[in-house]
Protein backbone atom coordinates (compact mmCIF):
# COMPACT_ATOMS: atom_id res chain seq x y z
CA MET A 1 -9.73 3.30 -11.06
CA LYS A 2 -7.22 4.61 -13.50
CA MET A 3 -4.54 2.39 -11.95
CA LYS A 4 -6.94 -0.53 -12.33
CA GLN A 5 -7.48 0.16 -16.03
CA ILE A 6 -3.75 0.48 -16.67
CA PHE A 7 -3.06 -2.71 -14.72
CA ILE A 8 -5.80 -4.60 -16.63
CA SER A 9 -4.51 -3.26 -19.98
CA PHE A 10 -0.98 -4.38 -19.02
CA LEU A 11 -2.22 -7.87 -18.12
CA LEU A 12 -4.12 -8.10 -21.41
CA LEU A 13 -1.01 -7.15 -23.37
CA ALA A 14 1.06 -9.64 -21.37
CA SER A 15 -1.47 -12.35 -21.89
CA LEU A 16 -1.62 -11.62 -25.66
CA GLY A 17 2.16 -11.84 -25.74
CA ILE A 18 2.00 -15.24 -24.06
CA LEU A 19 -0.76 -16.33 -26.42
CA ALA A 20 1.34 -15.37 -29.45
CA GLN A 21 4.27 -17.40 -28.12
CA THR A 22 2.50 -20.54 -26.97
CA GLU A 23 -0.71 -20.47 -29.09
CA THR A 24 -2.40 -22.54 -26.35
CA LEU A 25 -4.41 -19.97 -24.42
CA THR A 26 -7.88 -18.88 -25.60
CA THR A 27 -9.54 -15.53 -24.99
CA GLY A 28 -11.97 -17.18 -22.66
CA ASP A 29 -9.17 -18.67 -20.63
CA LEU A 30 -7.49 -15.26 -20.33
CA ILE A 31 -10.71 -13.53 -19.20
CA LYS A 32 -11.32 -16.25 -16.54
CA LYS A 33 -7.77 -15.70 -15.15
CA LEU A 34 -8.15 -11.88 -15.09
CA LYS A 35 -11.58 -11.79 -13.32
CA PRO A 36 -10.35 -13.02 -9.90
CA LEU A 37 -7.34 -10.70 -10.03
CA ASN A 38 -9.59 -7.70 -10.86
CA LYS A 39 -11.89 -8.50 -7.94
CA ARG A 40 -8.99 -8.89 -5.60
CA ILE A 41 -7.60 -5.43 -6.66
CA ASP A 42 -11.00 -3.82 -6.03
CA ASP A 43 -11.25 -5.43 -2.58
CA LEU A 44 -7.75 -4.26 -1.62
CA GLN A 45 -8.39 -0.75 -2.83
CA ASN A 46 -11.64 -0.51 -0.81
CA LYS A 47 -9.93 -1.80 2.33
CA ARG A 48 -7.04 0.60 1.83
CA LEU A 49 -9.40 3.60 1.54
CA LYS A 50 -11.25 2.52 4.68
CA GLN A 51 -7.95 2.20 6.65
CA ILE A 52 -6.74 5.64 5.47
CA LYS A 53 -10.05 7.25 6.62
CA GLU A 54 -9.74 5.63 10.06
CA ILE A 55 -6.15 6.80 10.40
CA LYS A 56 -7.08 10.36 9.50
CA THR A 57 -9.72 10.27 12.25
CA LEU A 58 -7.28 9.02 14.82
CA ASN A 59 -4.67 11.56 13.74
CA SER A 60 -7.26 14.31 14.24
CA LYS A 61 -8.04 12.98 17.74
CA LEU A 62 -4.36 12.80 18.58
CA SER A 63 -3.81 16.40 17.31
CA THR A 64 -6.72 17.62 19.49
CA ALA A 65 -5.28 15.76 22.51
CA TYR A 66 -1.89 17.44 21.93
CA LYS A 67 -3.55 20.83 21.79
CA SER A 68 -5.48 20.10 25.04
CA ILE A 69 -2.22 19.03 26.69
CA ASP A 70 -0.52 22.24 25.71
CA SER A 71 -3.42 24.33 26.89
CA LEU A 72 -3.67 22.51 30.25
CA ARG A 73 0.06 22.79 30.72
CA THR A 74 -0.22 26.54 30.28
CA LYS A 75 -3.08 26.67 32.82
CA THR A 76 -1.07 24.57 35.24
CA GLN A 77 1.92 26.88 34.85
CA ASP A 78 -0.36 29.93 35.51
CA ASN A 79 -1.67 28.21 38.65
CA SER A 80 1.85 27.47 39.84
CA ASN A 81 2.87 31.09 39.31
CA ALA A 82 -0.17 32.21 41.29
CA ILE A 83 0.75 29.88 44.13
CA THR A 84 4.31 31.12 44.11
CA GLN A 85 3.10 34.72 44.27
CA THR A 86 0.72 33.92 47.11
CA ALA A 87 3.51 32.09 48.93
CA ASN A 88 5.86 35.06 48.53
CA GLN A 89 3.25 37.45 49.88
CA LEU A 90 2.54 35.11 52.82
CA GLY A 91 6.27 34.85 53.49
CA ILE A 92 6.58 38.65 53.56
CA GLN A 93 3.68 38.91 55.96
CA ILE A 94 5.17 36.26 58.20
CA LYS A 95 8.49 38.09 58.18
CA GLU A 96 6.82 41.39 59.00
CA THR A 97 4.83 39.72 61.75
CA GLY A 98 8.07 38.21 63.10
CA ASP A 99 9.89 41.50 63.05
CA LYS A 100 7.04 43.15 64.95
CA ASN A 101 6.95 40.36 67.48
CA GLU A 102 10.71 40.66 68.11
CA GLY A 103 10.16 44.42 68.77
CA LYS A 104 7.31 43.69 71.14
CA ILE A 105 9.32 41.06 72.96
CA THR A 106 12.13 43.58 73.41
CA GLU A 107 9.71 46.14 74.76
CA VAL A 108 8.14 43.84 77.30
CA SER A 109 11.30 42.00 78.26
CA GLU A 110 11.67 44.37 81.23
CA SER A 111 8.15 43.54 82.56
CA LEU A 112 7.18 39.94 82.58
CA SER A 113 3.53 40.55 83.06
CA LYS A 114 1.09 37.72 82.59
CA ASN A 115 -0.84 39.55 79.81
CA SER A 116 2.34 40.21 77.80
CA LEU A 117 3.37 36.58 78.01
CA TYR A 118 -0.06 35.48 76.64
CA GLY A 119 0.33 37.95 73.81
CA ILE A 120 3.70 36.51 72.81
CA ILE A 121 2.32 33.01 72.81
CA GLY A 122 -0.64 34.10 70.65
CA VAL A 123 1.63 35.76 68.09
CA LEU A 124 3.90 32.73 67.90
CA SER A 125 0.82 30.48 67.45
CA THR A 126 -0.34 32.68 64.57
CA ILE A 127 3.02 32.30 62.88
CA LEU A 128 2.99 28.54 63.23
CA VAL A 129 -0.57 28.26 61.89
CA SER A 130 0.25 30.49 58.90
CA GLY A 131 3.32 28.38 58.09
CA LEU A 132 1.24 25.17 58.36
CA LEU A 133 -1.49 26.53 56.06
CA TYR A 134 1.08 27.57 53.53
CA TRP A 135 2.70 24.15 53.53
CA LEU A 136 -0.68 22.39 53.17
CA LEU A 137 -1.73 24.69 50.29
CA ARG A 138 1.56 24.07 48.49
CA LYS A 139 1.29 20.29 48.94
CA ARG A 140 -2.29 20.21 47.72
CA GLN A 141 -1.48 22.09 44.51
CA GLN A 142 1.43 19.78 43.73
CA ILE A 143 -0.84 16.70 44.12
CA ASP A 144 -3.51 18.15 41.87
CA LYS A 145 -0.90 19.04 39.22
CA THR A 146 0.60 15.55 39.28
CA ASP A 147 -2.83 13.83 39.04
CA PHE A 148 -3.85 16.06 36.13
CA ILE A 149 -0.64 15.38 34.11
CA ASP A 150 -1.01 11.65 34.76
CA GLN A 151 -4.55 11.68 33.38
CA LEU A 152 -3.37 13.50 30.23
CA SER A 153 -0.55 10.99 29.77
CA LYS A 154 -2.99 8.14 30.02
CA THR A 155 -5.26 9.70 27.40
CA LYS A 156 -2.31 10.20 25.03
CA SER A 157 -1.18 6.58 25.52
CA SER A 158 -4.63 5.32 24.77
CA ILE A 159 -4.85 7.26 21.49
CA GLU A 160 -1.36 6.10 20.49
CA GLU A 161 -2.27 2.45 21.20
CA SER A 162 -5.36 2.79 18.99
CA LEU A 163 -3.21 4.24 16.17
CA VAL A 164 -0.74 1.35 16.46
CA LYS A 165 -3.62 -1.17 16.14
CA GLU A 166 -4.97 0.63 12.99
CA PHE A 167 -1.49 0.87 11.47
CA GLY A 168 -1.02 -2.88 12.19
CA LYS A 169 -4.19 -3.62 10.15
CA GLN A 170 -2.93 -1.45 7.38
CA THR A 171 0.43 -3.26 7.18
CA GLU A 172 -1.44 -6.51 6.63
CA LEU A 173 -3.32 -4.96 3.74
CA MET A 174 -0.06 -3.56 2.31
CA ASP A 175 1.46 -7.05 2.50
CA SER A 176 -1.36 -8.23 0.18
CA GLN A 177 -0.53 -5.42 -2.15
CA LEU A 178 3.05 -6.54 -2.25
CA HIS A 179 1.92 -9.93 -3.46
CA LEU A 180 0.32 -8.14 -6.42
CA ILE A 181 3.60 -6.41 -7.11
CA GLU A 182 5.29 -9.82 -7.18
CA GLN A 183 2.71 -11.04 -9.66
CA GLN A 184 3.40 -8.00 -11.86
CA LYS A 185 7.08 -8.82 -11.75
CA THR A 186 6.35 -12.44 -12.77
CA ASN A 187 4.17 -11.30 -15.66
CA ARG A 188 6.89 -8.96 -16.92
CA GLU A 189 9.18 -11.98 -17.41
CA PHE A 190 7.01 -12.98 -20.36
CA THR A 191 7.15 -9.45 -21.85
CA PRO A 192 10.65 -8.11 -21.03
CA ASN A 193 10.24 -5.04 -23.26
CA ALA A 194 7.07 -3.79 -21.47
CA GLU A 195 7.42 -0.70 -19.29
CA PRO A 196 6.83 -1.64 -15.57
CA ASP A 197 3.96 0.01 -13.68
CA HIS A 198 5.28 1.59 -10.47
CA SER A 199 2.02 3.13 -9.18
CA LEU A 200 1.18 0.36 -6.66
CA ALA A 201 4.75 0.24 -5.28
CA LEU A 202 4.80 4.07 -4.85
CA LYS A 203 1.52 4.01 -2.95
CA VAL A 204 2.89 1.35 -0.61
CA ALA A 205 6.08 3.43 -0.13
CA SER A 206 4.02 6.48 0.74
CA GLU A 207 1.93 4.60 3.31
CA ILE A 208 5.11 3.15 4.88
CA ASN A 209 6.43 6.71 5.20
CA LEU A 210 3.23 7.90 6.85
CA ILE A 211 3.39 5.10 9.40
CA GLU A 212 7.05 5.78 10.18
CA ARG A 213 6.34 9.51 10.57
CA ASN A 214 3.66 8.73 13.16
CA ILE A 215 5.87 6.20 14.96
CA ASN A 216 8.52 8.96 15.49
CA LEU A 217 5.94 11.01 17.39
CA MET A 218 4.92 8.19 19.77
CA ASP A 219 6.34 7.16 23.10
CA SER A 220 8.79 4.29 22.66
CA LYS A 221 6.90 2.37 25.44
CA THR A 222 3.58 2.40 23.59
CA LYS A 223 2.03 -1.05 23.59
CA GLY A 224 2.49 -2.88 20.28
CA LEU A 225 4.89 -0.28 18.84
CA LYS A 226 7.84 -2.73 18.53
CA GLN A 227 5.66 -5.22 16.60
CA LEU A 228 4.50 -2.45 14.28
CA GLN A 229 8.14 -1.36 13.63
CA ALA A 230 9.02 -5.00 12.78
CA SER A 231 6.07 -5.21 10.33
CA VAL A 232 7.15 -1.99 8.62
CA GLY A 233 10.70 -3.35 8.31
CA LYS A 234 9.37 -6.48 6.68
CA LEU A 235 7.32 -4.45 4.19
CA LYS A 236 10.46 -2.48 3.20
CA ASP A 237 12.37 -5.74 2.82
CA ASN A 238 9.68 -7.11 0.48
CA LEU A 239 9.76 -3.93 -1.60
CA SER A 240 13.53 -4.24 -1.82
CA ALA A 241 13.15 -7.87 -2.97
CA ASN A 242 11.09 -6.52 -5.91
CA GLY A 243 13.70 -3.93 -6.86
CA TYR A 244 12.28 -0.92 -4.90
CA GLU A 245 14.44 0.97 -2.38
CA MET A 246 13.48 3.76 0.08
CA PRO A 247 16.75 5.52 1.05
CA GLU A 248 16.98 6.47 4.75
CA LEU A 249 16.93 10.30 4.79
CA LEU A 250 15.47 11.15 8.20
CA GLY A 251 18.06 12.59 10.57
CA LYS A 252 20.72 12.82 7.86
CA GLN A 253 22.87 15.92 7.26
CA PHE A 254 21.39 17.94 4.35
CA HIS A 255 23.66 19.34 1.57
CA GLN A 256 22.86 21.18 -1.60
CA GLY A 257 23.89 18.29 -3.89
CA MET A 258 21.09 15.99 -2.64
CA LYS A 259 18.42 15.20 -5.26
CA VAL A 260 15.46 16.12 -3.04
CA ILE A 261 12.87 18.92 -2.82
CA VAL A 262 13.08 21.08 0.34
CA THR A 263 9.55 22.25 1.12
CA SER A 264 10.50 24.29 4.24
CA SER A 265 13.36 25.14 6.59
CA ILE A 266 12.67 25.35 10.33
CA PRO A 267 15.05 27.19 12.79
CA ASP A 268 16.27 25.03 15.60
CA GLU A 269 18.20 26.44 18.53
CA ASN A 270 19.30 23.00 19.66
CA LEU A 271 21.37 22.47 16.51
CA GLU A 272 24.85 23.82 15.84
CA LYS A 273 24.86 27.11 13.98
CA GLY A 274 24.72 26.49 10.22
CA SER A 275 23.96 22.80 10.59
CA GLU A 276 21.11 21.45 8.45
CA ILE A 277 19.37 18.20 9.41
CA ILE A 278 16.52 16.41 7.58
CA SER A 279 13.75 16.47 10.24
CA LYS A 280 10.70 15.26 8.30
CA ILE A 281 9.99 13.17 5.13
CA LEU A 282 6.84 14.43 3.47
CA ILE A 283 7.14 12.24 0.32
CA PRO A 284 9.69 9.41 0.30
CA GLN A 285 12.37 9.01 -2.29
CA VAL A 286 11.95 5.74 -4.16
CA ASN A 287 14.53 3.98 -6.42
CA TYR A 288 13.83 1.12 -8.78
CA ASN A 289 16.83 -1.02 -9.70
CA ASP A 290 19.15 1.77 -8.49
CA LYS A 291 17.34 4.43 -10.54
CA MET A 292 15.27 7.13 -8.85
CA ILE A 293 11.60 6.96 -9.87
CA GLN A 294 10.20 9.37 -7.24
CA THR A 295 11.93 12.50 -5.83
CA GLY A 296 11.73 12.91 -2.02
CA GLN A 297 10.20 16.01 -0.45
CA ILE A 298 11.62 16.94 2.93
CA GLU A 299 11.64 19.43 5.77
CA VAL A 300 15.00 20.67 7.07
CA SER A 301 15.87 21.97 10.54
CA VAL A 302 18.57 24.70 10.54
CA GLY A 303 20.74 25.62 13.48
CA TYR A 304 21.19 29.32 14.31
């Protein structure tokens, strides 16, 4: 609402400047031109709030799914460890049985009685059955584990596809907001000394950063992801055409001279010791006509 009031005030001042220069516009004409623009701003704001709410809901579902996956992986690992322990115990028993059988065979080798021969056959049969049961148990556990992981992967893919669709809708709304930024730029041509209002552009930049942060967490094979990335690239190009730049910081080497705010440093054993890499953009840096108007806030991963 505050942004709306500022924007309306700016348009009124711009319109008064035009009126003073041309002396052809009336107050009634100016109000008629402002009313449709005000209504359009209200509609866009309402749609944007609805999209943000839906994205938060989907993010919550995705976070819950990730937690469930981690929990189920832990349970699967526990089951695998239990199977391995059972297999080891069964292997020891089989070995002990085999050792005893070898001793019995040695003892009765001197007398080939019919009863002794039957006993040997029975012991050998027991060994074979035990080995078969062990093999079947192991195979069954592997099949169950694979099916379970496949089901979790399908659930994760479904949630990611829903997010991609919602982000796609949001990019369409943001494209409409960029048209308003272009109108602001056109109006400033009539009042060159007026201070530009960057609030709408900064909001668009923050939403682009949020979408890119979620894209980095998704599987590259997610349906519709490439189209979403192309839409985000187009939005950034349109911002650039209006004088706004979002420097690429993600994955870059961090050094103390950078004009950013480091909110946290996360140890990472996969990085070279002492290396510092920007691993997350919380608030994007935004430049306007090569001058920074918003300082970036980042998270850094540090090798140890």
